[in-house]
Amino acid sequence: MKYLYLLYADESKMPAPNSPQMQQQEAAFGRYYEELSGKGMFKGGDPVQPSKAATTVRVRNGATKTASGPATSGSEQIIGFYVIEAKNQDEAIAYAARGTTSWPSLRLKASRQPALQK
C-alpha cells in the first residue's frame, strides 16, 4: 500500500540555508532517504519551497482564482513530502517515527489505490 507523508514545520524556526544546523538536518534526511530507498520503499518525494512562495488555486462556478502564500494559517506549514510503499499502516507509522527526528510533525495518509502488483 502506498502512503503519503506530509512533513510540517514552523518555517520561522527552520535553520538558515547553509548553516551547520541545516547541514545536519539535510544529512538526517539523506540517511532516512537511503534507508527507505535501500528497502525499496521510497517511491517519490522532495522538499518544497517556503509557503510564502505557494499559490492556492480555487475554481468556483467555472472561475479560477489564485492567492499567493500559505493556504492555511498557523505556524506549521508543509515543508516536504514522501511517498512510500509499506506492507500496512503499522509499518508506515514505524518508518514515519524513524524520520520525525528530522522534522517536527508528519501527517500520514494512505493511498486509496492498492499498491502496484509486481
PDB file of N, CA and C in Angstrom:
ATOM      1  N   MET A   1       0.845  -1.169   0.000  1.00  0.00           N
ATOM      2  CA  MET A   1       0.000   0.000   0.000  1.00  0.00           C
ATOM      3  C   MET A   1       0.895   1.239   0.000  1.00  0.00           C
ATOM      4  N   LYS A   2       0.502   2.235  -0.763  1.00  0.00           N
ATOM      5  CA  LYS A   2       1.254   3.488  -0.797  1.00  0.00           C
ATOM      6  C   LYS A   2       0.736   4.440   0.280  1.00  0.00           C
ATOM      7  N   TYR A   3       1.683   5.181   0.856  1.00  0.00           N
ATOM      8  CA  TYR A   3       1.371   6.162   1.893  1.00  0.00           C
ATOM      9  C   TYR A   3       2.039   7.484   1.550  1.00  0.00           C
ATOM     10  N   LEU A   4       1.339   8.551   1.856  1.00  0.00           N
ATOM     11  CA  LEU A   4       1.863   9.898   1.687  1.00  0.00           C
ATOM     12  C   LEU A   4       2.264  10.418   3.058  1.00  0.00           C
ATOM     13  N   TYR A   5       3.495  10.881   3.162  1.00  0.00           N
ATOM     14  CA  TYR A   5       3.965  11.562   4.363  1.00  0.00           C
ATOM     15  C   TYR A   5       4.026  13.047   4.019  1.00  0.00           C
ATOM     16  N   LEU A   6       3.235  13.859   4.691  1.00  0.00           N
ATOM     17  CA  LEU A   6       3.329  15.304   4.551  1.00  0.00           C
ATOM     18  C   LEU A   6       4.126  15.817   5.739  1.00  0.00           C
ATOM     19  N   LEU A   7       5.238  16.466   5.469  1.00  0.00           N
ATOM     20  CA  LEU A   7       6.144  16.937   6.515  1.00  0.00           C
ATOM     21  C   LEU A   7       5.819  18.392   6.845  1.00  0.00           C
ATOM     22  N   TYR A   8       5.656  18.678   8.118  1.00  0.00           N
ATOM     23  CA  TYR A   8       5.289  20.015   8.585  1.00  0.00           C
ATOM     24  C   TYR A   8       6.351  20.568   9.525  1.00  0.00           C
ATOM     25  N   ALA A   9       6.531  21.889   9.462  1.00  0.00           N
ATOM     26  CA  ALA A   9       7.421  22.575  10.402  1.00  0.00           C
ATOM     27  C   ALA A   9       7.042  24.049  10.457  1.00  0.00           C
ATOM     28  N   ASP A  10       7.453  24.698  11.521  1.00  0.00           N
ATOM     29  CA  ASP A  10       7.321  26.146  11.649  1.00  0.00           C
ATOM     30  C   ASP A  10       8.479  26.743  10.855  1.00  0.00           C
ATOM     31  N   GLU A  11       8.158  27.318   9.708  1.00  0.00           N
ATOM     32  CA  GLU A  11       9.211  27.826   8.822  1.00  0.00           C
ATOM     33  C   GLU A  11      10.052  28.916   9.475  1.00  0.00           C
ATOM     34  N   SER A  12       9.479  29.661  10.409  1.00  0.00           N
ATOM     35  CA  SER A  12      10.247  30.726  11.063  1.00  0.00           C
ATOM     36  C   SER A  12      11.326  30.156  11.982  1.00  0.00           C
ATOM     37  N   LYS A  13      11.218  28.873  12.316  1.00  0.00           N
ATOM     38  CA  LYS A  13      12.203  28.235  13.186  1.00  0.00           C
ATOM     39  C   LYS A  13      13.127  27.291  12.422  1.00  0.00           C
ATOM     40  N   MET A  14      13.012  27.284  11.100  1.00  0.00           N
ATOM     41  CA  MET A  14      13.873  26.424  10.289  1.00  0.00           C
ATOM     42  C   MET A  14      15.298  26.981  10.300  1.00  0.00           C
ATOM     43  N   PRO A  15      16.293  26.109  10.248  1.00  0.00           N
ATOM     44  CA  PRO A  15      17.675  26.585  10.192  1.00  0.00           C
ATOM     45  C   PRO A  15      17.928  27.402   8.921  1.00  0.00           C
ATOM     46  N   ALA A  16      18.835  28.335   9.020  1.00  0.00           N
ATOM     47  CA  ALA A  16      19.202  29.151   7.862  1.00  0.00           C
ATOM     48  C   ALA A  16      19.883  28.280   6.810  1.00  0.00           C
ATOM     49  N   PRO A  17      19.662  28.587   5.516  1.00  0.00           N
ATOM     50  CA  PRO A  17      20.340  27.831   4.459  1.00  0.00           C
ATOM     51  C   PRO A  17      21.854  27.829   4.675  1.00  0.00           C
ATOM     52  N   ASN A  18      22.467  26.702   4.427  1.00  0.00           N
ATOM     53  CA  ASN A  18      23.920  26.504   4.526  1.00  0.00           C
ATOM     54  C   ASN A  18      24.473  26.604   5.949  1.00  0.00           C
ATOM     55  N   SER A  19      23.606  26.737   6.948  1.00  0.00           N
ATOM     56  CA  SER A  19      24.084  26.777   8.332  1.00  0.00           C
ATOM     57  C   SER A  19      24.444  25.362   8.780  1.00  0.00           C
ATOM     58  N   PRO A  20      25.260  25.220   9.823  1.00  0.00           N
ATOM     59  CA  PRO A  20      25.570  23.880  10.332  1.00  0.00           C
ATOM     60  C   PRO A  20      24.309  23.100  10.719  1.00  0.00           C
ATOM     61  N   GLN A  21      23.306  23.799  11.271  1.00  0.00           N
ATOM     62  CA  GLN A  21      22.061  23.124  11.649  1.00  0.00           C
ATOM     63  C   GLN A  21      21.326  22.595  10.417  1.00  0.00           C
ATOM     64  N   MET A  22      21.309  23.389   9.323  1.00  0.00           N
ATOM     65  CA  MET A  22      20.660  22.940   8.089  1.00  0.00           C
ATOM     66  C   MET A  22      21.428  21.767   7.493  1.00  0.00           C
ATOM     67  N   GLN A  23      22.744  21.822   7.554  1.00  0.00           N
ATOM     68  CA  GLN A  23      23.543  20.705   7.041  1.00  0.00           C
ATOM     69  C   GLN A  23      23.264  19.430   7.830  1.00  0.00           C
ATOM     70  N   GLN A  24      23.095  19.544   9.144  1.00  0.00           N
ATOM     71  CA  GLN A  24      22.749  18.378   9.970  1.00  0.00           C
ATOM     72  C   GLN A  24      21.376  17.839   9.592  1.00  0.00           C
ATOM     73  N   GLN A  25      20.424  18.749   9.396  1.00  0.00           N
ATOM     74  CA  GLN A  25      19.067  18.332   9.029  1.00  0.00           C
ATOM     75  C   GLN A  25      19.075  17.644   7.667  1.00  0.00           C
ATOM     76  N   GLU A  26      19.793  18.214   6.704  1.00  0.00           N
ATOM     77  CA  GLU A  26      19.865  17.608   5.374  1.00  0.00           C
ATOM     78  C   GLU A  26      20.551  16.248   5.421  1.00  0.00           C
ATOM     79  N   ALA A  27      21.558  16.108   6.261  1.00  0.00           N
ATOM     80  CA  ALA A  27      22.227  14.810   6.413  1.00  0.00           C
ATOM     81  C   ALA A  27      21.264  13.780   6.996  1.00  0.00           C
ATOM     82  N   ALA A  28      20.445  14.202   7.960  1.00  0.00           N
ATOM     83  CA  ALA A  28      19.451  13.287   8.548  1.00  0.00           C
ATOM     84  C   ALA A  28      18.421  12.873   7.507  1.00  0.00           C
ATOM     85  N   PHE A  29      17.946  13.827   6.693  1.00  0.00           N
ATOM     86  CA  PHE A  29      17.031  13.491   5.602  1.00  0.00           C
ATOM     87  C   PHE A  29      17.692  12.501   4.648  1.00  0.00           C
ATOM     88  N   GLY A  30      18.962  12.730   4.341  1.00  0.00           N
ATOM     89  CA  GLY A  30      19.693  11.842   3.432  1.00  0.00           C
ATOM     90  C   GLY A  30      19.781  10.422   3.960  1.00  0.00           C
ATOM     91  N   ARG A  31      20.084  10.279   5.242  1.00  0.00           N
ATOM     92  CA  ARG A  31      20.152   8.935   5.844  1.00  0.00           C
ATOM     93  C   ARG A  31      18.787   8.253   5.809  1.00  0.00           C
ATOM     94  N   TYR A  32      17.753   9.010   6.100  1.00  0.00           N
ATOM     95  CA  TYR A  32      16.394   8.470   6.083  1.00  0.00           C
ATOM     96  C   TYR A  32      16.023   8.021   4.664  1.00  0.00           C
ATOM     97  N   TYR A  33      16.323   8.868   3.677  1.00  0.00           N
ATOM     98  CA  TYR A  33      16.064   8.523   2.275  1.00  0.00           C
ATOM     99  C   TYR A  33      16.813   7.248   1.889  1.00  0.00           C
ATOM    100  N   GLU A  34      18.075   7.152   2.261  1.00  0.00           N
ATOM    101  CA  GLU A  34      18.881   5.967   1.928  1.00  0.00           C
ATOM    102  C   GLU A  34      18.276   4.707   2.540  1.00  0.00           C
ATOM    103  N   GLU A  35      17.793   4.809   3.776  1.00  0.00           N
ATOM    104  CA  GLU A  35      17.182   3.644   4.414  1.00  0.00           C
ATOM    105  C   GLU A  35      15.926   3.208   3.655  1.00  0.00           C
ATOM    106  N   LEU A  36      15.033   4.162   3.370  1.00  0.00           N
ATOM    107  CA  LEU A  36      13.807   3.827   2.642  1.00  0.00           C
ATOM    108  C   LEU A  36      14.117   3.310   1.242  1.00  0.00           C
ATOM    109  N   SER A  37      15.048   3.953   0.561  1.00  0.00           N
ATOM    110  CA  SER A  37      15.427   3.538  -0.798  1.00  0.00           C
ATOM    111  C   SER A  37      16.027   2.148  -0.807  1.00  0.00           C
ATOM    112  N   GLY A  38      16.904   1.889   0.147  1.00  0.00           N
ATOM    113  CA  GLY A  38      17.564   0.590   0.220  1.00  0.00           C
ATOM    114  C   GLY A  38      16.590  -0.553   0.416  1.00  0.00           C
ATOM    115  N   LYS A  39      15.444  -0.274   1.008  1.00  0.00           N
ATOM    116  CA  LYS A  39      14.417  -1.295   1.233  1.00  0.00           C
ATOM    117  C   LYS A  39      13.364  -1.299   0.123  1.00  0.00           C
ATOM    118  N   GLY A  40      13.548  -0.441  -0.890  1.00  0.00           N
ATOM    119  CA  GLY A  40      12.587  -0.362  -1.991  1.00  0.00           C
ATOM    120  C   GLY A  40      11.280   0.315  -1.614  1.00  0.00           C
ATOM    121  N   MET A  41      11.272   1.039  -0.506  1.00  0.00           N
ATOM    122  CA  MET A  41      10.038   1.654  -0.016  1.00  0.00           C
ATOM    123  C   MET A  41       9.808   3.065  -0.565  1.00  0.00           C
ATOM    124  N   PHE A  42      10.883   3.773  -0.914  1.00  0.00           N
ATOM    125  CA  PHE A  42      10.757   5.160  -1.363  1.00  0.00           C
ATOM    126  C   PHE A  42      10.214   5.181  -2.788  1.00  0.00           C
ATOM    127  N   LYS A  43       9.119   5.889  -3.002  1.00  0.00           N
ATOM    128  CA  LYS A  43       8.507   5.985  -4.329  1.00  0.00           C
ATOM    129  C   LYS A  43       8.567   7.396  -4.895  1.00  0.00           C
ATOM    130  N   GLY A  44       8.839   8.385  -4.055  1.00  0.00           N
ATOM    131  CA  GLY A  44       8.939   9.758  -4.526  1.00  0.00           C
ATOM    132  C   GLY A  44       8.948  10.712  -3.352  1.00  0.00           C
ATOM    133  N   GLY A  45       9.247  11.960  -3.643  1.00  0.00           N
ATOM    134  CA  GLY A  45       9.214  12.977  -2.607  1.00  0.00           C
ATOM    135  C   GLY A  45      10.298  14.010  -2.789  1.00  0.00           C
ATOM    136  N   ASP A  46      10.095  15.136  -2.152  1.00  0.00           N
ATOM    137  CA  ASP A  46      11.033  16.253  -2.232  1.00  0.00           C
ATOM    138  C   ASP A  46      10.712  17.268  -1.142  1.00  0.00           C
ATOM    139  N   PRO A  47      11.700  18.103  -0.796  1.00  0.00           N
ATOM    140  CA  PRO A  47      11.368  19.287  -0.010  1.00  0.00           C
ATOM    141  C   PRO A  47      10.627  20.254  -0.938  1.00  0.00           C
ATOM    142  N   VAL A  48       9.882  21.185  -0.373  1.00  0.00           N
ATOM    143  CA  VAL A  48       9.163  22.161  -1.191  1.00  0.00           C
ATOM    144  C   VAL A  48       9.591  23.573  -0.808  1.00  0.00           C
ATOM    145  N   GLN A  49       9.300  24.508  -1.694  1.00  0.00           N
ATOM    146  CA  GLN A  49       9.624  25.914  -1.455  1.00  0.00           C
ATOM    147  C   GLN A  49       8.851  26.423  -0.232  1.00  0.00           C
ATOM    148  N   PRO A  50       9.316  27.500   0.401  1.00  0.00           N
ATOM    149  CA  PRO A  50       8.600  28.059   1.553  1.00  0.00           C
ATOM    150  C   PRO A  50       7.150  28.410   1.202  1.00  0.00           C
ATOM    151  N   SER A  51       6.290  28.399   2.206  1.00  0.00           N
ATOM    152  CA  SER A  51       4.860  28.636   1.976  1.00  0.00           C
ATOM    153  C   SER A  51       4.585  30.014   1.374  1.00  0.00           C
ATOM    154  N   LYS A  52       5.453  30.982   1.630  1.00  0.00           N
ATOM    155  CA  LYS A  52       5.232  32.309   1.034  1.00  0.00           C
ATOM    156  C   LYS A  52       5.338  32.261  -0.491  1.00  0.00           C
ATOM    157  N   ALA A  53       5.964  31.211  -1.042  1.00  0.00           N
ATOM    158  CA  ALA A  53       6.084  31.054  -2.490  1.00  0.00           C
ATOM    159  C   ALA A  53       4.945  30.217  -3.077  1.00  0.00           C
ATOM    160  N   ALA A  54       4.025  29.763  -2.228  1.00  0.00           N
ATOM    161  CA  ALA A  54       2.930  28.899  -2.685  1.00  0.00           C
ATOM    162  C   ALA A  54       1.835  29.704  -3.378  1.00  0.00           C
ATOM    163  N   THR A  55       1.072  29.021  -4.205  1.00  0.00           N
ATOM    164  CA  THR A  55      -0.113  29.590  -4.832  1.00  0.00           C
ATOM    165  C   THR A  55      -1.280  28.646  -4.582  1.00  0.00           C
ATOM    166  N   THR A  56      -2.347  29.170  -4.035  1.00  0.00           N
ATOM    167  CA  THR A  56      -3.571  28.397  -3.841  1.00  0.00           C
ATOM    168  C   THR A  56      -4.469  28.651  -5.042  1.00  0.00           C
ATOM    169  N   VAL A  57      -4.985  27.582  -5.638  1.00  0.00           N
ATOM    170  CA  VAL A  57      -5.861  27.681  -6.809  1.00  0.00           C
ATOM    171  C   VAL A  57      -7.237  27.164  -6.407  1.00  0.00           C
ATOM    172  N   ARG A  58      -8.252  27.980  -6.642  1.00  0.00           N
ATOM    173  CA  ARG A  58      -9.635  27.575  -6.367  1.00  0.00           C
ATOM    174  C   ARG A  58     -10.475  27.848  -7.612  1.00  0.00           C
ATOM    175  N   VAL A  59     -11.330  26.894  -7.952  1.00  0.00           N
ATOM    176  CA  VAL A  59     -12.253  27.065  -9.070  1.00  0.00           C
ATOM    177  C   VAL A  59     -13.665  27.026  -8.505  1.00  0.00           C
ATOM    178  N   ARG A  60     -14.405  28.088  -8.719  1.00  0.00           N
ATOM    179  CA  ARG A  60     -15.786  28.190  -8.255  1.00  0.00           C
ATOM    180  C   ARG A  60     -16.643  28.695  -9.409  1.00  0.00           C
ATOM    181  N   ASN A  61     -17.693  27.945  -9.718  1.00  0.00           N
ATOM    182  CA  ASN A  61     -18.615  28.336 -10.796  1.00  0.00           C
ATOM    183  C   ASN A  61     -17.873  28.636 -12.093  1.00  0.00           C
ATOM    184  N   GLY A  62     -16.858  27.838 -12.390  1.00  0.00           N
ATOM    185  CA  GLY A  62     -16.105  27.987 -13.629  1.00  0.00           C
ATOM    186  C   GLY A  62     -15.042  29.071 -13.602  1.00  0.00           C
ATOM    187  N   ALA A  63     -14.945  29.819 -12.525  1.00  0.00           N
ATOM    188  CA  ALA A  63     -13.946  30.891 -12.425  1.00  0.00           C
ATOM    189  C   ALA A  63     -12.764  30.414 -11.593  1.00  0.00           C
ATOM    190  N   THR A  64     -11.569  30.637 -12.115  1.00  0.00           N
ATOM    191  CA  THR A  64     -10.342  30.255 -11.418  1.00  0.00           C
ATOM    192  C   THR A  64      -9.807  31.462 -10.665  1.00  0.00           C
ATOM    193  N   LYS A  65      -9.572  31.253  -9.381  1.00  0.00           N
ATOM    194  CA  LYS A  65      -8.991  32.318  -8.547  1.00  0.00           C
ATOM    195  C   LYS A  65      -7.721  31.788  -7.910  1.00  0.00           C
ATOM    196  N   THR A  66      -6.725  32.644  -7.817  1.00  0.00           N
ATOM    197  CA  THR A  66      -5.462  32.265  -7.186  1.00  0.00           C
ATOM    198  C   THR A  66      -5.163  33.225  -6.040  1.00  0.00           C
ATOM    199  N   ALA A  67      -4.415  32.712  -5.080  1.00  0.00           N
ATOM    200  CA  ALA A  67      -3.962  33.529  -3.954  1.00  0.00           C
ATOM    201  C   ALA A  67      -2.534  33.118  -3.628  1.00  0.00           C
ATOM    202  N   SER A  68      -1.688  34.088  -3.411  1.00  0.00           N
ATOM    203  CA  SER A  68      -0.294  33.811  -3.062  1.00  0.00           C
ATOM    204  C   SER A  68      -0.169  33.581  -1.568  1.00  0.00           C
ATOM    205  N   GLY A  69       0.806  32.752  -1.204  1.00  0.00           N
ATOM    206  CA  GLY A  69       1.077  32.498   0.206  1.00  0.00           C
ATOM    207  C   GLY A  69       0.459  31.202   0.675  1.00  0.00           C
ATOM    208  N   PRO A  70       0.591  30.933   1.976  1.00  0.00           N
ATOM    209  CA  PRO A  70       0.098  29.661   2.515  1.00  0.00           C
ATOM    210  C   PRO A  70      -1.420  29.540   2.398  1.00  0.00           C
ATOM    211  N   ALA A  71      -1.895  28.313   2.226  1.00  0.00           N
ATOM    212  CA  ALA A  71      -3.333  28.058   2.105  1.00  0.00           C
ATOM    213  C   ALA A  71      -4.022  28.104   3.456  1.00  0.00           C
ATOM    214  N   THR A  72      -3.279  27.840   4.514  1.00  0.00           N
ATOM    215  CA  THR A  72      -3.856  27.825   5.856  1.00  0.00           C
ATOM    216  C   THR A  72      -3.038  28.718   6.773  1.00  0.00           C
ATOM    217  N   SER A  73      -3.686  29.211   7.805  1.00  0.00           N
ATOM    218  CA  SER A  73      -2.948  29.992   8.797  1.00  0.00           C
ATOM    219  C   SER A  73      -2.344  29.028   9.806  1.00  0.00           C
ATOM    220  N   GLY A  74      -1.477  29.529  10.617  1.00  0.00           N
ATOM    221  CA  GLY A  74      -0.825  28.683  11.610  1.00  0.00           C
ATOM    222  C   GLY A  74       0.666  28.652  11.371  1.00  0.00           C
ATOM    223  N   SER A  75       1.378  28.262  12.403  1.00  0.00           N
ATOM    224  CA  SER A  75       2.833  28.310  12.308  1.00  0.00           C
ATOM    225  C   SER A  75       3.413  27.147  11.514  1.00  0.00           C
ATOM    226  N   GLU A  76       2.786  25.976  11.561  1.00  0.00           N
ATOM    227  CA  GLU A  76       3.340  24.829  10.834  1.00  0.00           C
ATOM    228  C   GLU A  76       2.796  24.777   9.412  1.00  0.00           C
ATOM    229  N   GLN A  77       3.714  24.711   8.466  1.00  0.00           N
ATOM    230  CA  GLN A  77       3.378  24.625   7.053  1.00  0.00           C
ATOM    231  C   GLN A  77       4.079  23.403   6.458  1.00  0.00           C
ATOM    232  N   ILE A  78       3.602  22.965   5.302  1.00  0.00           N
ATOM    233  CA  ILE A  78       4.219  21.815   4.630  1.00  0.00           C
ATOM    234  C   ILE A  78       5.612  22.212   4.154  1.00  0.00           C
ATOM    235  N   ILE A  79       6.615  21.401   4.517  1.00  0.00           N
ATOM    236  CA  ILE A  79       7.989  21.656   4.080  1.00  0.00           C
ATOM    237  C   ILE A  79       8.487  20.588   3.110  1.00  0.00           C
ATOM    238  N   GLY A  80       7.701  19.528   2.929  1.00  0.00           N
ATOM    239  CA  GLY A  80       8.102  18.479   2.005  1.00  0.00           C
ATOM    240  C   GLY A  80       7.147  17.308   2.064  1.00  0.00           C
ATOM    241  N   PHE A  81       7.424  16.305   1.240  1.00  0.00           N
ATOM    242  CA  PHE A  81       6.575  15.122   1.210  1.00  0.00           C
ATOM    243  C   PHE A  81       7.385  13.907   0.786  1.00  0.00           C
ATOM    244  N   TYR A  82       6.918  12.761   1.186  1.00  0.00           N
ATOM    245  CA  TYR A  82       7.439  11.472   0.741  1.00  0.00           C
ATOM    246  C   TYR A  82       6.248  10.624   0.311  1.00  0.00           C
ATOM    247  N   VAL A  83       6.442   9.789  -0.675  1.00  0.00           N
ATOM    248  CA  VAL A  83       5.502   8.720  -0.997  1.00  0.00           C
ATOM    249  C   VAL A  83       6.278   7.435  -0.769  1.00  0.00           C
ATOM    250  N   ILE A  84       5.757   6.587   0.105  1.00  0.00           N
ATOM    251  CA  ILE A  84       6.430   5.325   0.392  1.00  0.00           C
ATOM    252  C   ILE A  84       5.466   4.172   0.143  1.00  0.00           C
ATOM    253  N   GLU A  85       6.017   2.988   0.039  1.00  0.00           N
ATOM    254  CA  GLU A  85       5.203   1.786  -0.035  1.00  0.00           C
ATOM    255  C   GLU A  85       5.524   0.951   1.196  1.00  0.00           C
ATOM    256  N   ALA A  86       4.484   0.606   1.939  1.00  0.00           N
ATOM    257  CA  ALA A  86       4.641  -0.183   3.162  1.00  0.00           C
ATOM    258  C   ALA A  86       3.632  -1.329   3.141  1.00  0.00           C
ATOM    259  N   LYS A  87       3.926  -2.357   3.932  1.00  0.00           N
ATOM    260  CA  LYS A  87       3.031  -3.521   3.995  1.00  0.00           C
ATOM    261  C   LYS A  87       1.667  -3.149   4.562  1.00  0.00           C
ATOM    262  N   ASN A  88       1.676  -2.252   5.551  1.00  0.00           N
ATOM    263  CA  ASN A  88       0.432  -1.869   6.220  1.00  0.00           C
ATOM    264  C   ASN A  88       0.668  -0.562   6.973  1.00  0.00           C
ATOM    265  N   GLN A  89      -0.379  -0.068   7.612  1.00  0.00           N
ATOM    266  CA  GLN A  89      -0.264   1.214   8.305  1.00  0.00           C
ATOM    267  C   GLN A  89       0.717   1.147   9.469  1.00  0.00           C
ATOM    268  N   ASP A  90       0.775   0.019  10.153  1.00  0.00           N
ATOM    269  CA  ASP A  90       1.727  -0.109  11.263  1.00  0.00           C
ATOM    270  C   ASP A  90       3.160   0.086  10.783  1.00  0.00           C
ATOM    271  N   GLU A  91       3.500  -0.521   9.649  1.00  0.00           N
ATOM    272  CA  GLU A  91       4.850  -0.346   9.107  1.00  0.00           C
ATOM    273  C   GLU A  91       5.061   1.105   8.673  1.00  0.00           C
ATOM    274  N   ALA A  92       4.053   1.717   8.050  1.00  0.00           N
ATOM    275  CA  ALA A  92       4.164   3.116   7.628  1.00  0.00           C
ATOM    276  C   ALA A  92       4.382   4.031   8.833  1.00  0.00           C
ATOM    277  N   ILE A  93       3.690   3.761   9.929  1.00  0.00           N
ATOM    278  CA  ILE A  93       3.859   4.555  11.153  1.00  0.00           C
ATOM    279  C   ILE A  93       5.255   4.346  11.733  1.00  0.00           C
ATOM    280  N   ALA A  94       5.719   3.108  11.745  1.00  0.00           N
ATOM    281  CA  ALA A  94       7.051   2.816  12.287  1.00  0.00           C
ATOM    282  C   ALA A  94       8.130   3.577  11.521  1.00  0.00           C
ATOM    283  N   TYR A  95       8.030   3.609  10.184  1.00  0.00           N
ATOM    284  CA  TYR A  95       9.031   4.338   9.399  1.00  0.00           C
ATOM    285  C   TYR A  95       8.845   5.849   9.521  1.00  0.00           C
ATOM    286  N   ALA A  96       7.615   6.309   9.689  1.00  0.00           N
ATOM    287  CA  ALA A  96       7.384   7.740   9.924  1.00  0.00           C
ATOM    288  C   ALA A  96       8.055   8.165  11.225  1.00  0.00           C
ATOM    289  N   ALA A  97       7.938   7.331  12.251  1.00  0.00           N
ATOM    290  CA  ALA A  97       8.543   7.646  13.552  1.00  0.00           C
ATOM    291  C   ALA A  97      10.059   7.729  13.452  1.00  0.00           C
ATOM    292  N   ARG A  98      10.653   6.935  12.580  1.00  0.00           N
ATOM    293  CA  ARG A  98      12.117   6.995  12.406  1.00  0.00           C
ATOM    294  C   ARG A  98      12.549   8.324  11.823  1.00  0.00           C
ATOM    295  N   GLY A  99      11.731   8.897  10.974  1.00  0.00           N
ATOM    296  CA  GLY A  99      12.103  10.144  10.311  1.00  0.00           C
ATOM    297  C   GLY A  99      11.754  11.389  11.083  1.00  0.00           C
ATOM    298  N   THR A 100      10.891  11.296  12.077  1.00  0.00           N
ATOM    299  CA  THR A 100      10.425  12.509  12.749  1.00  0.00           C
ATOM    300  C   THR A 100      11.477  13.183  13.610  1.00  0.00           C
ATOM    301  N   THR A 101      12.660  12.607  13.710  1.00  0.00           N
ATOM    302  CA  THR A 101      13.743  13.329  14.375  1.00  0.00           C
ATOM    303  C   THR A 101      14.247  14.461  13.485  1.00  0.00           C
ATOM    304  N   SER A 102      13.896  14.433  12.201  1.00  0.00           N
ATOM    305  CA  SER A 102      14.357  15.447  11.252  1.00  0.00           C
ATOM    306  C   SER A 102      13.342  16.556  11.007  1.00  0.00           C
ATOM    307  N   TRP A 103      12.102  16.378  11.421  1.00  0.00           N
ATOM    308  CA  TRP A 103      11.079  17.396  11.244  1.00  0.00           C
ATOM    309  C   TRP A 103      10.108  17.316  12.419  1.00  0.00           C
ATOM    310  N   PRO A 104       9.436  18.429  12.755  1.00  0.00           N
ATOM    311  CA  PRO A 104       8.578  18.450  13.937  1.00  0.00           C
ATOM    312  C   PRO A 104       7.344  17.557  13.856  1.00  0.00           C
ATOM    313  N   SER A 105       6.659  17.525  12.714  1.00  0.00           N
ATOM    314  CA  SER A 105       5.472  16.675  12.641  1.00  0.00           C
ATOM    315  C   SER A 105       5.268  16.154  11.232  1.00  0.00           C
ATOM    316  N   LEU A 106       4.492  15.101  11.168  1.00  0.00           N
ATOM    317  CA  LEU A 106       4.254  14.413   9.909  1.00  0.00           C
ATOM    318  C   LEU A 106       2.806  13.951   9.896  1.00  0.00           C
ATOM    319  N   ARG A 107       2.135  14.163   8.787  1.00  0.00           N
ATOM    320  CA  ARG A 107       0.783  13.626   8.595  1.00  0.00           C
ATOM    321  C   ARG A 107       0.896  12.478   7.614  1.00  0.00           C
ATOM    322  N   LEU A 108       0.368  11.334   8.010  1.00  0.00           N
ATOM    323  CA  LEU A 108       0.426  10.119   7.201  1.00  0.00           C
ATOM    324  C   LEU A 108      -0.962   9.863   6.629  1.00  0.00           C
ATOM    325  N   LYS A 109      -1.025   9.626   5.322  1.00  0.00           N
ATOM    326  CA  LYS A 109      -2.299   9.305   4.676  1.00  0.00           C
ATOM    327  C   LYS A 109      -2.079   8.137   3.735  1.00  0.00           C
ATOM    328  N   ALA A 110      -2.990   7.173   3.788  1.00  0.00           N
ATOM    329  CA  ALA A 110      -2.921   6.018   2.896  1.00  0.00           C
ATOM    330  C   ALA A 110      -3.522   6.382   1.543  1.00  0.00           C
ATOM    331  N   SER A 111      -2.944   5.822   0.495  1.00  0.00           N
ATOM    332  CA  SER A 111      -3.490   5.981  -0.846  1.00  0.00           C
ATOM    333  C   SER A 111      -4.814   5.237  -0.933  1.00  0.00           C
ATOM    334  N   ARG A 112      -5.696   5.710  -1.765  1.00  0.00           N
ATOM    335  CA  ARG A 112      -6.956   4.998  -1.983  1.00  0.00           C
ATOM    336  C   ARG A 112      -6.788   3.898  -3.018  1.00  0.00           C
ATOM    337  N   GLN A 113      -5.664   3.886  -3.704  1.00  0.00           N
ATOM    338  CA  GLN A 113      -5.389   2.864  -4.712  1.00  0.00           C
ATOM    339  C   GLN A 113      -4.507   1.787  -4.111  1.00  0.00           C
ATOM    340  N   PRO A 114      -4.733   0.515  -4.455  1.00  0.00           N
ATOM    341  CA  PRO A 114      -3.840  -0.533  -3.946  1.00  0.00           C
ATOM    342  C   PRO A 114      -2.441  -0.383  -4.535  1.00  0.00           C
ATOM    343  N   ALA A 115      -1.466  -0.878  -3.810  1.00  0.00           N
ATOM    344  CA  ALA A 115      -0.080  -0.835  -4.298  1.00  0.00           C
ATOM    345  C   ALA A 115       0.009  -1.598  -5.611  1.00  0.00           C
ATOM    346  N   LEU A 116       0.902  -1.163  -6.474  1.00  0.00           N
ATOM    347  CA  LEU A 116       1.092  -1.854  -7.755  1.00  0.00           C
ATOM    348  C   LEU A 116       1.597  -3.262  -7.522  1.00  0.00           C
ATOM    349  N   GLN A 117       1.046  -4.202  -8.249  1.00  0.00           N
ATOM    350  CA  GLN A 117       1.493  -5.590  -8.146  1.00  0.00           C
ATOM    351  C   GLN A 117       2.742  -5.765  -8.991  1.00  0.00           C
ATOM    352  N   LYS A 118       3.670  -6.534  -8.484  1.00  0.00           N
ATOM    353  CA  LYS A 118       4.914  -6.771  -9.229  1.00  0.00           C
ATOM    354  C   LYS A 118       4.807  -8.032 -10.028  1.00  0.00           C
TER     355      LYS A 118
END
